[in-house]
Amino acid sequence: MKIFFNRLPWSIVIVLIATLGLAPFVPQPHLFEKLQMLANGELKQAIDIFDLILHASPLVILILKLFFHFSKKEQ
């Protein structure tokens, strides 16, 4: 897995964050809407849970890429 994230170009990660992670841009990104629903205890339907996972996945990819990038530099 470390090899995959080290080979994954930063440009791909940035495009994923800018498009899927923040889509739709108006009135507010789905990710923020779904996180608000989660905090309020309103995230109950399967489609909403899937939507949260879908729009949060680029953020998870970014976090893992950053983690492996900086752990590689320490060695």
N, C-alpha and C. Protein backbone atom coordinates (compact mmCIF):
# COMPACT_ATOMS: atom_id res chain seq x y z
N MET A 1 0.83 -1.18 0.00
CA MET A 1 0.00 0.00 0.00
C MET A 1 0.88 1.25 0.00
N LYS A 2 1.98 1.18 0.71
CA LYS A 2 2.90 2.31 0.77
C LYS A 2 3.42 2.65 -0.63
N ILE A 3 3.73 1.64 -1.40
CA ILE A 3 4.24 1.84 -2.76
C ILE A 3 3.18 2.53 -3.62
N PHE A 4 1.93 2.11 -3.47
CA PHE A 4 0.84 2.72 -4.25
C PHE A 4 0.73 4.22 -3.97
N PHE A 5 0.72 4.60 -2.71
CA PHE A 5 0.57 6.01 -2.36
C PHE A 5 1.81 6.82 -2.71
N ASN A 6 2.98 6.22 -2.67
CA ASN A 6 4.19 6.94 -3.07
C ASN A 6 4.24 7.16 -4.58
N ARG A 7 3.67 6.24 -5.34
CA ARG A 7 3.65 6.38 -6.80
C ARG A 7 2.47 7.23 -7.29
N LEU A 8 1.47 7.42 -6.49
CA LEU A 8 0.30 8.19 -6.88
C LEU A 8 0.69 9.67 -7.02
N PRO A 9 0.50 10.25 -8.21
CA PRO A 9 0.91 11.64 -8.41
C PRO A 9 0.07 12.62 -7.59
N TRP A 10 0.73 13.68 -7.13
CA TRP A 10 0.03 14.71 -6.36
C TRP A 10 -1.07 15.36 -7.19
N SER A 11 -0.86 15.49 -8.49
CA SER A 11 -1.86 16.12 -9.34
C SER A 11 -3.18 15.36 -9.33
N ILE A 12 -3.11 14.04 -9.32
CA ILE A 12 -4.32 13.21 -9.26
C ILE A 12 -5.05 13.45 -7.94
N VAL A 13 -4.32 13.48 -6.86
CA VAL A 13 -4.92 13.69 -5.54
C VAL A 13 -5.59 15.07 -5.47
N ILE A 14 -4.93 16.08 -6.00
CA ILE A 14 -5.49 17.43 -5.97
C ILE A 14 -6.76 17.51 -6.83
N VAL A 15 -6.75 16.87 -7.99
CA VAL A 15 -7.94 16.87 -8.84
C VAL A 15 -9.09 16.13 -8.15
N LEU A 16 -8.80 15.01 -7.49
CA LEU A 16 -9.84 14.29 -6.76
C LEU A 16 -10.45 15.15 -5.65
N ILE A 17 -9.61 15.83 -4.90
CA ILE A 17 -10.09 16.70 -3.83
C ILE A 17 -10.95 17.82 -4.40
N ALA A 18 -10.47 18.45 -5.47
CA ALA A 18 -11.17 19.61 -6.04
C ALA A 18 -12.49 19.23 -6.71
N THR A 19 -12.59 18.03 -7.24
CA THR A 19 -13.81 17.66 -7.94
C THR A 19 -14.74 16.82 -7.07
N LEU A 20 -14.35 15.61 -6.78
CA LEU A 20 -15.23 14.71 -6.03
C LEU A 20 -15.35 15.10 -4.56
N GLY A 21 -14.27 15.54 -3.98
CA GLY A 21 -14.30 15.89 -2.56
C GLY A 21 -15.14 17.11 -2.25
N LEU A 22 -15.20 18.05 -3.17
CA LEU A 22 -15.94 19.28 -2.91
C LEU A 22 -17.20 19.43 -3.76
N ALA A 23 -17.54 18.45 -4.58
CA ALA A 23 -18.72 18.55 -5.43
C ALA A 23 -19.99 18.33 -4.62
N PRO A 24 -21.08 18.88 -4.95
CA PRO A 24 -21.27 20.07 -5.77
C PRO A 24 -20.85 21.31 -4.99
N PHE A 25 -20.45 22.31 -5.68
CA PHE A 25 -19.91 23.50 -5.04
C PHE A 25 -20.99 24.42 -4.46
N VAL A 26 -22.18 24.39 -5.04
CA VAL A 26 -23.27 25.28 -4.62
C VAL A 26 -24.45 24.43 -4.21
N PRO A 27 -25.14 24.64 -3.16
CA PRO A 27 -24.99 25.68 -2.15
C PRO A 27 -23.87 25.38 -1.15
N GLN A 28 -23.59 24.09 -0.89
CA GLN A 28 -22.43 23.72 -0.07
C GLN A 28 -22.00 22.32 -0.48
N PRO A 29 -20.72 21.99 -0.33
CA PRO A 29 -20.25 20.65 -0.71
C PRO A 29 -20.96 19.55 0.08
N HIS A 30 -21.21 18.43 -0.62
CA HIS A 30 -21.89 17.30 0.02
C HIS A 30 -21.14 16.82 1.26
N LEU A 31 -19.83 16.86 1.21
CA LEU A 31 -19.04 16.38 2.34
C LEU A 31 -19.38 17.16 3.61
N PHE A 32 -19.46 18.48 3.52
CA PHE A 32 -19.80 19.29 4.68
C PHE A 32 -21.24 19.03 5.13
N GLU A 33 -22.14 18.87 4.16
CA GLU A 33 -23.54 18.59 4.47
C GLU A 33 -23.67 17.25 5.20
N LYS A 34 -22.98 16.24 4.71
CA LYS A 34 -23.07 14.90 5.32
C LYS A 34 -22.39 14.87 6.69
N LEU A 35 -21.30 15.63 6.86
CA LEU A 35 -20.67 15.69 8.18
C LEU A 35 -21.57 16.39 9.20
N GLN A 36 -22.32 17.41 8.74
CA GLN A 36 -23.30 18.06 9.62
C GLN A 36 -24.40 17.08 10.00
N MET A 37 -24.87 16.30 9.02
CA MET A 37 -25.89 15.29 9.30
C MET A 37 -25.37 14.26 10.29
N LEU A 38 -24.12 13.85 10.15
CA LEU A 38 -23.51 12.89 11.06
C LEU A 38 -23.44 13.46 12.47
N ALA A 39 -23.03 14.72 12.59
CA ALA A 39 -22.92 15.36 13.89
C ALA A 39 -24.29 15.53 14.56
N ASN A 40 -25.32 15.74 13.76
CA ASN A 40 -26.67 15.94 14.30
C ASN A 40 -27.42 14.62 14.50
N GLY A 41 -26.82 13.50 14.10
CA GLY A 41 -27.47 12.20 14.26
C GLY A 41 -28.53 11.94 13.21
N GLU A 42 -28.47 12.64 12.08
CA GLU A 42 -29.47 12.51 11.03
C GLU A 42 -29.01 11.61 9.88
N LEU A 43 -27.83 11.07 9.97
CA LEU A 43 -27.27 10.25 8.88
C LEU A 43 -27.75 8.81 9.07
N LYS A 44 -28.92 8.48 8.50
CA LYS A 44 -29.52 7.17 8.74
C LYS A 44 -29.78 6.39 7.46
N GLN A 45 -30.02 7.08 6.36
CA GLN A 45 -30.33 6.37 5.12
C GLN A 45 -29.04 5.86 4.48
N ALA A 46 -29.15 4.72 3.84
CA ALA A 46 -27.99 4.08 3.21
C ALA A 46 -27.37 4.98 2.14
N ILE A 47 -28.19 5.69 1.37
CA ILE A 47 -27.66 6.56 0.32
C ILE A 47 -26.84 7.69 0.92
N ASP A 48 -27.24 8.21 2.08
CA ASP A 48 -26.49 9.28 2.73
C ASP A 48 -25.15 8.77 3.26
N ILE A 49 -25.12 7.57 3.79
CA ILE A 49 -23.88 6.97 4.28
C ILE A 49 -22.94 6.71 3.11
N PHE A 50 -23.48 6.18 2.01
CA PHE A 50 -22.68 5.96 0.80
C PHE A 50 -22.13 7.29 0.28
N ASP A 51 -22.96 8.31 0.28
CA ASP A 51 -22.55 9.63 -0.20
C ASP A 51 -21.42 10.20 0.67
N LEU A 52 -21.50 10.02 1.97
CA LEU A 52 -20.44 10.47 2.87
C LEU A 52 -19.13 9.75 2.55
N ILE A 53 -19.19 8.45 2.40
CA ILE A 53 -17.99 7.67 2.09
C ILE A 53 -17.42 8.08 0.73
N LEU A 54 -18.28 8.28 -0.26
CA LEU A 54 -17.84 8.66 -1.59
C LEU A 54 -17.13 10.01 -1.59
N HIS A 55 -17.72 11.00 -0.95
CA HIS A 55 -17.14 12.34 -0.97
C HIS A 55 -15.98 12.51 0.02
N ALA A 56 -15.87 11.62 1.01
CA ALA A 56 -14.76 11.69 1.97
C ALA A 56 -13.55 10.90 1.50
N SER A 57 -13.72 10.01 0.53
CA SER A 57 -12.60 9.17 0.09
C SER A 57 -11.41 9.97 -0.45
N PRO A 58 -11.58 11.06 -1.21
CA PRO A 58 -10.40 11.82 -1.62
C PRO A 58 -9.63 12.42 -0.44
N LEU A 59 -10.34 12.81 0.60
CA LEU A 59 -9.69 13.34 1.79
C LEU A 59 -8.87 12.25 2.49
N VAL A 60 -9.40 11.05 2.55
CA VAL A 60 -8.67 9.92 3.13
C VAL A 60 -7.43 9.61 2.30
N ILE A 61 -7.57 9.65 0.98
CA ILE A 61 -6.43 9.42 0.10
C ILE A 61 -5.35 10.47 0.33
N LEU A 62 -5.76 11.74 0.47
CA LEU A 62 -4.80 12.81 0.74
C LEU A 62 -4.08 12.59 2.07
N ILE A 63 -4.81 12.22 3.10
CA ILE A 63 -4.20 11.99 4.42
C ILE A 63 -3.20 10.84 4.36
N LEU A 64 -3.56 9.74 3.68
CA LEU A 64 -2.65 8.61 3.56
C LEU A 64 -1.43 8.97 2.71
N LYS A 65 -1.64 9.72 1.65
CA LYS A 65 -0.51 10.16 0.80
C LYS A 65 0.45 11.02 1.61
N LEU A 66 -0.08 11.96 2.39
CA LEU A 66 0.77 12.80 3.24
C LEU A 66 1.51 11.98 4.29
N PHE A 67 0.82 11.04 4.90
CA PHE A 67 1.43 10.19 5.92
C PHE A 67 2.60 9.40 5.34
N PHE A 68 2.38 8.74 4.20
CA PHE A 68 3.45 7.94 3.61
C PHE A 68 4.56 8.82 3.04
N HIS A 69 4.22 9.99 2.57
CA HIS A 69 5.22 10.90 2.04
C HIS A 69 6.19 11.37 3.15
N PHE A 70 5.64 11.75 4.29
CA PHE A 70 6.49 12.24 5.37
C PHE A 70 7.16 11.11 6.14
N SER A 71 6.55 9.94 6.20
CA SER A 71 7.22 8.82 6.87
C SER A 71 8.38 8.32 6.02
N LYS A 72 8.31 8.49 4.72
CA LYS A 72 9.39 8.11 3.82
C LYS A 72 10.60 9.02 4.02
N LYS A 73 10.35 10.30 4.26
CA LYS A 73 11.44 11.28 4.42
C LYS A 73 12.24 11.03 5.71
N GLU A 74 11.61 10.50 6.74
CA GLU A 74 12.28 10.29 8.02
C GLU A 74 13.28 9.14 7.96
N GLN A 75 13.10 8.22 7.06
CA GLN A 75 13.97 7.04 7.00
C GLN A 75 15.30 7.34 6.42
